[in-house]
Structure formats: structure tokens, C-alpha cells
Amino acid sequence: MAKWTPKHEAPEPLEGPVVATITGGTILWFVLFLVQLPFYGWFDDGGHAWWVWTCLAGGGLGLIGVWYVRKRDAAIRRAEAERHGSA
């Protein structure tokens, strides 16, 4: 089988409001958890209690994601400032 080779150069990755996007998603997960919490008995009776805990896990992992992307954003800004400072 022949090795696949790309026909054109890959585009540059898109940079957007990453911190705001991850923060918004994290807030959404926590809101979904809080909305479902009063109905926990109904979810548990139907065998769907994992929905509630999935939302909590999504919020918790989102907090890790917010921490990560804030550190990443700060590192990118520092590298950019160093590059412009030395040039």
C-alpha cells in the first residue's frame, strides 16, 4: 500500500477566544448539574443518575481546562513579548 502524501500545505491553526469558550462551557456544565439536581430521584428511578454526575464531572474537568488555557494564553503572550523585545 502506498504512503499517503498531502497535496497541499496544512493551514495555520485558528486562534480564537479560547479562555472565554472553555469558561462558558464550564459554566454550562455546572448550570446543567444544578438544574438536574432537584430531579435526582427521577433520574435515579429511571436508571439515568449518571446524567447528573456527568454534568458535575464536566464542570470539574472544565475547571482544569480553564486553568490550563489561562496558563497557555499567558505563556503565548510572554513568548510574543520576548520575541518583540529582542527584535
PDB file of N, CA and C in Angstrom:
ATOM      1  N   MET A   1       0.842  -1.174   0.000  1.00  0.00           N
ATOM      2  CA  MET A   1       0.000   0.000   0.000  1.00  0.00           C
ATOM      3  C   MET A   1       0.889   1.240   0.000  1.00  0.00           C
ATOM      4  N   ALA A   2       0.581   2.188  -0.854  1.00  0.00           N
ATOM      5  CA  ALA A   2       1.376   3.403  -0.970  1.00  0.00           C
ATOM      6  C   ALA A   2       1.111   4.337   0.197  1.00  0.00           C
ATOM      7  N   LYS A   3       2.169   5.037   0.595  1.00  0.00           N
ATOM      8  CA  LYS A   3       2.025   6.007   1.689  1.00  0.00           C
ATOM      9  C   LYS A   3       1.306   7.242   1.166  1.00  0.00           C
ATOM     10  N   TRP A   4       0.345   7.728   1.965  1.00  0.00           N
ATOM     11  CA  TRP A   4      -0.417   8.907   1.574  1.00  0.00           C
ATOM     12  C   TRP A   4       0.411  10.159   1.811  1.00  0.00           C
ATOM     13  N   THR A   5       0.440  11.038   0.834  1.00  0.00           N
ATOM     14  CA  THR A   5       1.121  12.321   0.998  1.00  0.00           C
ATOM     15  C   THR A   5       0.125  13.436   0.728  1.00  0.00           C
ATOM     16  N   PRO A   6       0.183  14.503   1.540  1.00  0.00           N
ATOM     17  CA  PRO A   6      -0.764  15.595   1.340  1.00  0.00           C
ATOM     18  C   PRO A   6      -0.506  16.321   0.027  1.00  0.00           C
ATOM     19  N   LYS A   7      -1.574  16.812  -0.572  1.00  0.00           N
ATOM     20  CA  LYS A   7      -1.461  17.516  -1.853  1.00  0.00           C
ATOM     21  C   LYS A   7      -1.219  19.009  -1.679  1.00  0.00           C
ATOM     22  N   HIS A   8      -1.511  19.521  -0.478  1.00  0.00           N
ATOM     23  CA  HIS A   8      -1.306  20.944  -0.222  1.00  0.00           C
ATOM     24  C   HIS A   8      -0.877  21.130   1.226  1.00  0.00           C
ATOM     25  N   GLU A   9      -0.365  22.310   1.508  1.00  0.00           N
ATOM     26  CA  GLU A   9       0.121  22.612   2.848  1.00  0.00           C
ATOM     27  C   GLU A   9      -1.050  22.796   3.814  1.00  0.00           C
ATOM     28  N   ALA A  10      -0.877  22.344   5.037  1.00  0.00           N
ATOM     29  CA  ALA A  10      -1.927  22.474   6.048  1.00  0.00           C
ATOM     30  C   ALA A  10      -2.080  23.943   6.454  1.00  0.00           C
ATOM     31  N   PRO A  11      -3.304  24.389   6.699  1.00  0.00           N
ATOM     32  CA  PRO A  11      -3.499  25.778   7.116  1.00  0.00           C
ATOM     33  C   PRO A  11      -3.030  25.988   8.553  1.00  0.00           C
ATOM     34  N   GLU A  12      -2.782  27.241   8.889  1.00  0.00           N
ATOM     35  CA  GLU A  12      -2.402  27.592  10.250  1.00  0.00           C
ATOM     36  C   GLU A  12      -3.575  27.314  11.188  1.00  0.00           C
ATOM     37  N   PRO A  13      -3.318  26.904  12.420  1.00  0.00           N
ATOM     38  CA  PRO A  13      -4.417  26.670  13.353  1.00  0.00           C
ATOM     39  C   PRO A  13      -5.130  27.976  13.695  1.00  0.00           C
ATOM     40  N   LEU A  14      -6.427  27.882  13.906  1.00  0.00           N
ATOM     41  CA  LEU A  14      -7.203  29.065  14.248  1.00  0.00           C
ATOM     42  C   LEU A  14      -7.039  29.385  15.722  1.00  0.00           C
ATOM     43  N   GLU A  15      -6.838  30.633  16.041  1.00  0.00           N
ATOM     44  CA  GLU A  15      -6.774  31.083  17.419  1.00  0.00           C
ATOM     45  C   GLU A  15      -7.984  31.962  17.663  1.00  0.00           C
ATOM     46  N   GLY A  16      -8.731  31.643  18.664  1.00  0.00           N
ATOM     47  CA  GLY A  16      -9.924  32.408  18.996  1.00  0.00           C
ATOM     48  C   GLY A  16      -9.963  32.684  20.480  1.00  0.00           C
ATOM     49  N   PRO A  17     -11.110  33.054  20.979  1.00  0.00           N
ATOM     50  CA  PRO A  17     -11.239  33.327  22.419  1.00  0.00           C
ATOM     51  C   PRO A  17     -11.320  32.012  23.204  1.00  0.00           C
ATOM     52  N   VAL A  18     -10.187  31.346  23.341  1.00  0.00           N
ATOM     53  CA  VAL A  18     -10.154  30.014  23.936  1.00  0.00           C
ATOM     54  C   VAL A  18     -10.569  30.054  25.410  1.00  0.00           C
ATOM     55  N   VAL A  19     -10.045  31.005  26.162  1.00  0.00           N
ATOM     56  CA  VAL A  19     -10.364  31.079  27.591  1.00  0.00           C
ATOM     57  C   VAL A  19     -11.861  31.316  27.784  1.00  0.00           C
ATOM     58  N   ALA A  20     -12.434  32.217  27.017  1.00  0.00           N
ATOM     59  CA  ALA A  20     -13.864  32.505  27.138  1.00  0.00           C
ATOM     60  C   ALA A  20     -14.704  31.294  26.735  1.00  0.00           C
ATOM     61  N   THR A  21     -14.280  30.580  25.721  1.00  0.00           N
ATOM     62  CA  THR A  21     -15.020  29.407  25.271  1.00  0.00           C
ATOM     63  C   THR A  21     -15.020  28.310  26.330  1.00  0.00           C
ATOM     64  N   ILE A  22     -13.864  28.023  26.910  1.00  0.00           N
ATOM     65  CA  ILE A  22     -13.762  26.980  27.925  1.00  0.00           C
ATOM     66  C   ILE A  22     -14.506  27.404  29.194  1.00  0.00           C
ATOM     67  N   THR A  23     -14.408  28.668  29.556  1.00  0.00           N
ATOM     68  CA  THR A  23     -15.126  29.167  30.737  1.00  0.00           C
ATOM     69  C   THR A  23     -16.632  29.059  30.528  1.00  0.00           C
ATOM     70  N   GLY A  24     -17.109  29.433  29.355  1.00  0.00           N
ATOM     71  CA  GLY A  24     -18.533  29.328  29.058  1.00  0.00           C
ATOM     72  C   GLY A  24     -19.021  27.892  29.107  1.00  0.00           C
ATOM     73  N   GLY A  25     -18.248  26.981  28.559  1.00  0.00           N
ATOM     74  CA  GLY A  25     -18.618  25.569  28.598  1.00  0.00           C
ATOM     75  C   GLY A  25     -18.638  25.024  30.015  1.00  0.00           C
ATOM     76  N   THR A  26     -17.681  25.448  30.834  1.00  0.00           N
ATOM     77  CA  THR A  26     -17.634  25.013  32.228  1.00  0.00           C
ATOM     78  C   THR A  26     -18.843  25.509  32.991  1.00  0.00           C
ATOM     79  N   ILE A  27     -19.194  26.766  32.787  1.00  0.00           N
ATOM     80  CA  ILE A  27     -20.385  27.316  33.434  1.00  0.00           C
ATOM     81  C   ILE A  27     -21.626  26.548  33.000  1.00  0.00           C
ATOM     82  N   LEU A  28     -21.706  26.231  31.727  1.00  0.00           N
ATOM     83  CA  LEU A  28     -22.847  25.477  31.209  1.00  0.00           C
ATOM     84  C   LEU A  28     -22.958  24.104  31.883  1.00  0.00           C
ATOM     85  N   TRP A  29     -21.847  23.404  32.048  1.00  0.00           N
ATOM     86  CA  TRP A  29     -21.873  22.102  32.717  1.00  0.00           C
ATOM     87  C   TRP A  29     -22.385  22.231  34.146  1.00  0.00           C
ATOM     88  N   PHE A  30     -21.893  23.258  34.881  1.00  0.00           N
ATOM     89  CA  PHE A  30     -22.344  23.437  36.258  1.00  0.00           C
ATOM     90  C   PHE A  30     -23.819  23.821  36.322  1.00  0.00           C
ATOM     91  N   VAL A  31     -24.279  24.650  35.389  1.00  0.00           N
ATOM     92  CA  VAL A  31     -25.702  25.009  35.353  1.00  0.00           C
ATOM     93  C   VAL A  31     -26.546  23.775  35.086  1.00  0.00           C
ATOM     94  N   LEU A  32     -26.133  22.947  34.146  1.00  0.00           N
ATOM     95  CA  LEU A  32     -26.864  21.708  33.871  1.00  0.00           C
ATOM     96  C   LEU A  32     -26.897  20.804  35.105  1.00  0.00           C
ATOM     97  N   PHE A  33     -25.806  20.739  35.840  1.00  0.00           N
ATOM     98  CA  PHE A  33     -25.782  19.950  37.073  1.00  0.00           C
ATOM     99  C   PHE A  33     -26.796  20.497  38.079  1.00  0.00           C
ATOM    100  N   LEU A  34     -26.791  21.809  38.288  1.00  0.00           N
ATOM    101  CA  LEU A  34     -27.697  22.410  39.257  1.00  0.00           C
ATOM    102  C   LEU A  34     -29.156  22.286  38.842  1.00  0.00           C
ATOM    103  N   VAL A  35     -29.432  22.341  37.552  1.00  0.00           N
ATOM    104  CA  VAL A  35     -30.808  22.197  37.070  1.00  0.00           C
ATOM    105  C   VAL A  35     -31.301  20.770  37.274  1.00  0.00           C
ATOM    106  N   GLN A  36     -30.436  19.791  37.088  1.00  0.00           N
ATOM    107  CA  GLN A  36     -30.840  18.396  37.211  1.00  0.00           C
ATOM    108  C   GLN A  36     -30.864  17.909  38.661  1.00  0.00           C
ATOM    109  N   LEU A  37     -30.146  18.569  39.550  1.00  0.00           N
ATOM    110  CA  LEU A  37     -30.028  18.108  40.923  1.00  0.00           C
ATOM    111  C   LEU A  37     -31.366  17.947  41.644  1.00  0.00           C
ATOM    112  N   PRO A  38     -32.331  18.877  41.507  1.00  0.00           N
ATOM    113  CA  PRO A  38     -33.618  18.657  42.191  1.00  0.00           C
ATOM    114  C   PRO A  38     -34.390  17.439  41.680  1.00  0.00           C
ATOM    115  N   PHE A  39     -34.084  16.974  40.495  1.00  0.00           N
ATOM    116  CA  PHE A  39     -34.774  15.833  39.898  1.00  0.00           C
ATOM    117  C   PHE A  39     -33.957  14.546  40.016  1.00  0.00           C
ATOM    118  N   TYR A  40     -33.009  14.530  40.950  1.00  0.00           N
ATOM    119  CA  TYR A  40     -32.127  13.369  41.076  1.00  0.00           C
ATOM    120  C   TYR A  40     -32.915  12.071  41.290  1.00  0.00           C
ATOM    121  N   GLY A  41     -33.950  12.126  42.112  1.00  0.00           N
ATOM    122  CA  GLY A  41     -34.755  10.926  42.362  1.00  0.00           C
ATOM    123  C   GLY A  41     -35.381  10.390  41.100  1.00  0.00           C
ATOM    124  N   TRP A  42     -35.885  11.265  40.266  1.00  0.00           N
ATOM    125  CA  TRP A  42     -36.491  10.855  38.998  1.00  0.00           C
ATOM    126  C   TRP A  42     -35.449  10.223  38.086  1.00  0.00           C
ATOM    127  N   PHE A  43     -34.260  10.851  38.010  1.00  0.00           N
ATOM    128  CA  PHE A  43     -33.186  10.281  37.189  1.00  0.00           C
ATOM    129  C   PHE A  43     -32.772   8.918  37.730  1.00  0.00           C
ATOM    130  N   ASP A  44     -32.660   8.811  39.054  1.00  0.00           N
ATOM    131  CA  ASP A  44     -32.226   7.559  39.674  1.00  0.00           C
ATOM    132  C   ASP A  44     -33.257   6.446  39.463  1.00  0.00           C
ATOM    133  N   ASP A  45     -34.534   6.785  39.560  1.00  0.00           N
ATOM    134  CA  ASP A  45     -35.585   5.789  39.338  1.00  0.00           C
ATOM    135  C   ASP A  45     -35.548   5.246  37.908  1.00  0.00           C
ATOM    136  N   GLY A  46     -35.200   6.094  36.976  1.00  0.00           N
ATOM    137  CA  GLY A  46     -35.148   5.673  35.570  1.00  0.00           C
ATOM    138  C   GLY A  46     -33.809   5.086  35.162  1.00  0.00           C
ATOM    139  N   GLY A  47     -32.875   5.010  36.109  1.00  0.00           N
ATOM    140  CA  GLY A  47     -31.555   4.459  35.780  1.00  0.00           C
ATOM    141  C   GLY A  47     -30.659   5.437  35.052  1.00  0.00           C
ATOM    142  N   HIS A  48     -30.958   6.734  35.183  1.00  0.00           N
ATOM    143  CA  HIS A  48     -30.170   7.747  34.477  1.00  0.00           C
ATOM    144  C   HIS A  48     -29.465   8.716  35.416  1.00  0.00           C
ATOM    145  N   ALA A  49     -29.147   8.269  36.618  1.00  0.00           N
ATOM    146  CA  ALA A  49     -28.455   9.135  37.582  1.00  0.00           C
ATOM    147  C   ALA A  49     -27.096   9.576  37.058  1.00  0.00           C
ATOM    148  N   TRP A  50     -26.522   8.808  36.166  1.00  0.00           N
ATOM    149  CA  TRP A  50     -25.214   9.160  35.613  1.00  0.00           C
ATOM    150  C   TRP A  50     -25.259  10.479  34.852  1.00  0.00           C
ATOM    151  N   TRP A  51     -26.445  10.899  34.384  1.00  0.00           N
ATOM    152  CA  TRP A  51     -26.551  12.188  33.694  1.00  0.00           C
ATOM    153  C   TRP A  51     -26.146  13.319  34.628  1.00  0.00           C
ATOM    154  N   VAL A  52     -26.629  13.240  35.858  1.00  0.00           N
ATOM    155  CA  VAL A  52     -26.334  14.282  36.840  1.00  0.00           C
ATOM    156  C   VAL A  52     -24.837  14.316  37.123  1.00  0.00           C
ATOM    157  N   TRP A  53     -24.254  13.135  37.350  1.00  0.00           N
ATOM    158  CA  TRP A  53     -22.835  13.085  37.690  1.00  0.00           C
ATOM    159  C   TRP A  53     -21.941  13.403  36.503  1.00  0.00           C
ATOM    160  N   THR A  54     -22.428  13.155  35.305  1.00  0.00           N
ATOM    161  CA  THR A  54     -21.666  13.533  34.117  1.00  0.00           C
ATOM    162  C   THR A  54     -21.533  15.049  34.032  1.00  0.00           C
ATOM    163  N   CYS A  55     -22.607  15.751  34.367  1.00  0.00           N
ATOM    164  CA  CYS A  55     -22.561  17.214  34.349  1.00  0.00           C
ATOM    165  C   CYS A  55     -21.581  17.742  35.394  1.00  0.00           C
ATOM    166  N   LEU A  56     -21.578  17.131  36.573  1.00  0.00           N
ATOM    167  CA  LEU A  56     -20.632  17.552  37.608  1.00  0.00           C
ATOM    168  C   LEU A  56     -19.197  17.273  37.173  1.00  0.00           C
ATOM    169  N   ALA A  57     -18.972  16.105  36.574  1.00  0.00           N
ATOM    170  CA  ALA A  57     -17.631  15.772  36.083  1.00  0.00           C
ATOM    171  C   ALA A  57     -17.203  16.736  34.975  1.00  0.00           C
ATOM    172  N   GLY A  58     -18.140  17.098  34.092  1.00  0.00           N
ATOM    173  CA  GLY A  58     -17.826  18.058  33.031  1.00  0.00           C
ATOM    174  C   GLY A  58     -17.435  19.408  33.600  1.00  0.00           C
ATOM    175  N   GLY A  59     -18.132  19.834  34.645  1.00  0.00           N
ATOM    176  CA  GLY A  59     -17.774  21.102  35.293  1.00  0.00           C
ATOM    177  C   GLY A  59     -16.416  21.033  35.960  1.00  0.00           C
ATOM    178  N   GLY A  60     -16.143  19.920  36.635  1.00  0.00           N
ATOM    179  CA  GLY A  60     -14.839  19.758  37.283  1.00  0.00           C
ATOM    180  C   GLY A  60     -13.696  19.710  36.286  1.00  0.00           C
ATOM    181  N   LEU A  61     -13.880  18.963  35.221  1.00  0.00           N
ATOM    182  CA  LEU A  61     -12.847  18.921  34.184  1.00  0.00           C
ATOM    183  C   LEU A  61     -12.720  20.262  33.478  1.00  0.00           C
ATOM    184  N   GLY A  62     -13.839  20.978  33.380  1.00  0.00           N
ATOM    185  CA  GLY A  62     -13.795  22.316  32.803  1.00  0.00           C
ATOM    186  C   GLY A  62     -12.941  23.264  33.619  1.00  0.00           C
ATOM    187  N   LEU A  63     -12.984  23.125  34.952  1.00  0.00           N
ATOM    188  CA  LEU A  63     -12.124  23.961  35.802  1.00  0.00           C
ATOM    189  C   LEU A  63     -10.649  23.697  35.520  1.00  0.00           C
ATOM    190  N   ILE A  64     -10.311  22.439  35.316  1.00  0.00           N
ATOM    191  CA  ILE A  64      -8.931  22.096  34.940  1.00  0.00           C
ATOM    192  C   ILE A  64      -8.609  22.709  33.574  1.00  0.00           C
ATOM    193  N   GLY A  65      -9.580  22.651  32.664  1.00  0.00           N
ATOM    194  CA  GLY A  65      -9.384  23.234  31.336  1.00  0.00           C
ATOM    195  C   GLY A  65      -9.196  24.737  31.381  1.00  0.00           C
ATOM    196  N   VAL A  66      -9.967  25.421  32.225  1.00  0.00           N
ATOM    197  CA  VAL A  66      -9.813  26.881  32.364  1.00  0.00           C
ATOM    198  C   VAL A  66      -8.423  27.198  32.885  1.00  0.00           C
ATOM    199  N   TRP A  67      -7.966  26.456  33.893  1.00  0.00           N
ATOM    200  CA  TRP A  67      -6.622  26.669  34.433  1.00  0.00           C
ATOM    201  C   TRP A  67      -5.577  26.467  33.333  1.00  0.00           C
ATOM    202  N   TYR A  68      -5.732  25.393  32.564  1.00  0.00           N
ATOM    203  CA  TYR A  68      -4.766  25.064  31.519  1.00  0.00           C
ATOM    204  C   TYR A  68      -4.716  26.140  30.430  1.00  0.00           C
ATOM    205  N   VAL A  69      -5.881  26.554  29.922  1.00  0.00           N
ATOM    206  CA  VAL A  69      -5.862  27.506  28.813  1.00  0.00           C
ATOM    207  C   VAL A  69      -5.427  28.897  29.271  1.00  0.00           C
ATOM    208  N   ARG A  70      -5.680  29.250  30.538  1.00  0.00           N
ATOM    209  CA  ARG A  70      -5.176  30.529  31.038  1.00  0.00           C
ATOM    210  C   ARG A  70      -3.654  30.509  31.104  1.00  0.00           C
ATOM    211  N   LYS A  71      -3.079  29.401  31.584  1.00  0.00           N
ATOM    212  CA  LYS A  71      -1.615  29.269  31.621  1.00  0.00           C
ATOM    213  C   LYS A  71      -1.042  29.287  30.207  1.00  0.00           C
ATOM    214  N   ARG A  72      -1.705  28.598  29.288  1.00  0.00           N
ATOM    215  CA  ARG A  72      -1.251  28.551  27.896  1.00  0.00           C
ATOM    216  C   ARG A  72      -1.287  29.930  27.268  1.00  0.00           C
ATOM    217  N   ASP A  73      -2.372  30.654  27.495  1.00  0.00           N
ATOM    218  CA  ASP A  73      -2.516  32.001  26.950  1.00  0.00           C
ATOM    219  C   ASP A  73      -1.440  32.928  27.504  1.00  0.00           C
ATOM    220  N   ALA A  74      -1.167  32.814  28.804  1.00  0.00           N
ATOM    221  CA  ALA A  74      -0.117  33.641  29.409  1.00  0.00           C
ATOM    222  C   ALA A  74       1.253  33.298  28.822  1.00  0.00           C
ATOM    223  N   ALA A  75       1.521  32.012  28.590  1.00  0.00           N
ATOM    224  CA  ALA A  75       2.802  31.605  28.018  1.00  0.00           C
ATOM    225  C   ALA A  75       2.949  32.113  26.581  1.00  0.00           C
ATOM    226  N   ILE A  76       1.878  32.075  25.820  1.00  0.00           N
ATOM    227  CA  ILE A  76       1.919  32.587  24.446  1.00  0.00           C
ATOM    228  C   ILE A  76       2.195  34.089  24.451  1.00  0.00           C
ATOM    229  N   ARG A  77       1.536  34.810  25.348  1.00  0.00           N
ATOM    230  CA  ARG A  77       1.764  36.266  25.433  1.00  0.00           C
ATOM    231  C   ARG A  77       3.198  36.582  25.869  1.00  0.00           C
ATOM    232  N   ARG A  78       3.723  35.810  26.833  1.00  0.00           N
ATOM    233  CA  ARG A  78       5.109  36.026  27.265  1.00  0.00           C
ATOM    234  C   ARG A  78       6.077  35.771  26.129  1.00  0.00           C
ATOM    235  N   ALA A  79       5.878  34.702  25.393  1.00  0.00           N
ATOM    236  CA  ALA A  79       6.772  34.374  24.273  1.00  0.00           C
ATOM    237  C   ALA A  79       6.699  35.455  23.202  1.00  0.00           C
ATOM    238  N   GLU A  80       5.496  35.959  22.951  1.00  0.00           N
ATOM    239  CA  GLU A  80       5.333  37.027  21.962  1.00  0.00           C
ATOM    240  C   GLU A  80       6.038  38.306  22.417  1.00  0.00           C
ATOM    241  N   ALA A  81       5.924  38.630  23.702  1.00  0.00           N
ATOM    242  CA  ALA A  81       6.582  39.825  24.234  1.00  0.00           C
ATOM    243  C   ALA A  81       8.103  39.685  24.192  1.00  0.00           C
ATOM    244  N   GLU A  82       8.607  38.510  24.499  1.00  0.00           N
ATOM    245  CA  GLU A  82      10.054  38.271  24.438  1.00  0.00           C
ATOM    246  C   GLU A  82      10.555  38.367  23.017  1.00  0.00           C
ATOM    247  N   ARG A  83       9.769  37.852  22.076  1.00  0.00           N
ATOM    248  CA  ARG A  83      10.190  37.896  20.673  1.00  0.00           C
ATOM    249  C   ARG A  83      10.224  39.336  20.170  1.00  0.00           C
ATOM    250  N   HIS A  84       9.234  40.139  20.557  1.00  0.00           N
ATOM    251  CA  HIS A  84       9.223  41.536  20.133  1.00  0.00           C
ATOM    252  C   HIS A  84      10.239  42.367  20.906  1.00  0.00           C
ATOM    253  N   GLY A  85      10.540  41.962  22.131  1.00  0.00           N
ATOM    254  CA  GLY A  85      11.522  42.694  22.933  1.00  0.00           C
ATOM    255  C   GLY A  85      12.930  42.498  22.430  1.00  0.00           C
ATOM    256  N   SER A  86      13.249  41.321  21.909  1.00  0.00           N
ATOM    257  CA  SER A  86      14.592  41.032  21.434  1.00  0.00           C
ATOM    258  C   SER A  86      14.803  41.474  19.988  1.00  0.00           C
ATOM    259  N   ALA A  87      13.728  41.738  19.272  1.00  0.00           N
ATOM    260  CA  ALA A  87      13.862  42.114  17.856  1.00  0.00           C
ATOM    261  C   ALA A  87      14.116  43.593  17.679  1.00  0.00           C
TER     262      ALA A  87
END
